Amino acid sequence: MKRYLRPLAVALIVLATAAVSTVNLALAQFSPAQRGEIEKIIRDYLLRNPEILQEVVQEMEKRQAVADAEKHRDAIKKHAEALFNSKRQVVLGNPQGDVTMVEFFDYNCGFCRKALTDKLELVRADPKLRLVLKEFPVLGEGSTQAAQVAVAVRMQDKTSGKKYLEFHQKMFASRGQVDKTRALAVVREIGFDAARAERDMNSDEVRLTLEEDFKLAEALGINGTPTYVFDGHVVVGAVGVEKLREAINTVRCGKATC
């Protein structure tokens, strides 16, 4: 997943900015001497009780999480057809499964590489799980090229998805950064037509597939990989197999089939 400022640091910056604006507005009615005394009281109090800032940050994060979850639910509902049933995606596991897990991934994402075994374990252990894979190349030109080849592989594997899965695993097993050269080498390794794949890289189908995936990511506020989308909520990051299993069970129990 892409790296960001730590949530606590971000929250403190936001809190400090808001607090300064609010305090300055409130203090405008006092004389300079009065303002100085009030500021000293506030500063001394916070220095003696720094845990208050932590409590405020935690409350801010809690409220933000609730707001984000609501936005995710609305966006998932609005874009459900393209998210779960697009003709431009790879479906693994049980095509008629009672729970669908959608993964947005990048072949150059180290966290996605680590998470590969998690999703494969879930598919093997859960015969009712439907796994949808969506290309989301956000880590540079090599990632975009790899995604283009991956879609071209999907175009040659329109039935079972087994060859695509073989390609998918070999790509994540590659050392170093992957790009067009490595992706086409993997195409040859799995026994597919590399020349055709190279031609298909520039096809409308590849372009439309990646455009669709990026539009969905934008609609859901997804900006890092891996990100998992379920019916009703989003899970961000390589959270591990148990967290993903919990998310699956949440959806399944919500449908009264657990």
Foldseek 3Di string as FASTA:
>chain_A
DDDDPDLLVVLVVVVVVVVVVVLVVVCPVDDPVVSVVVVVVVVVVCVVPVVVSVVVSVVVVVVVVVVLLVLLLVLCVVCVCLQLPNLQWDKDAANQAPWEKEWEAFLQDPQVLVLPVLVVVCSVVDNRYIYIYAYDHDPDQQRLQLLLLLSLVCVVVVPHCPLSVQLSNVSSVDPDGGHNVNSLVSCVVSPHDSVSSVVSSPPPSSVVRNVSRVVSCVSSVNDDPTKMDINRGIDDTSPGNVVVVVVRVVSCVVVVND
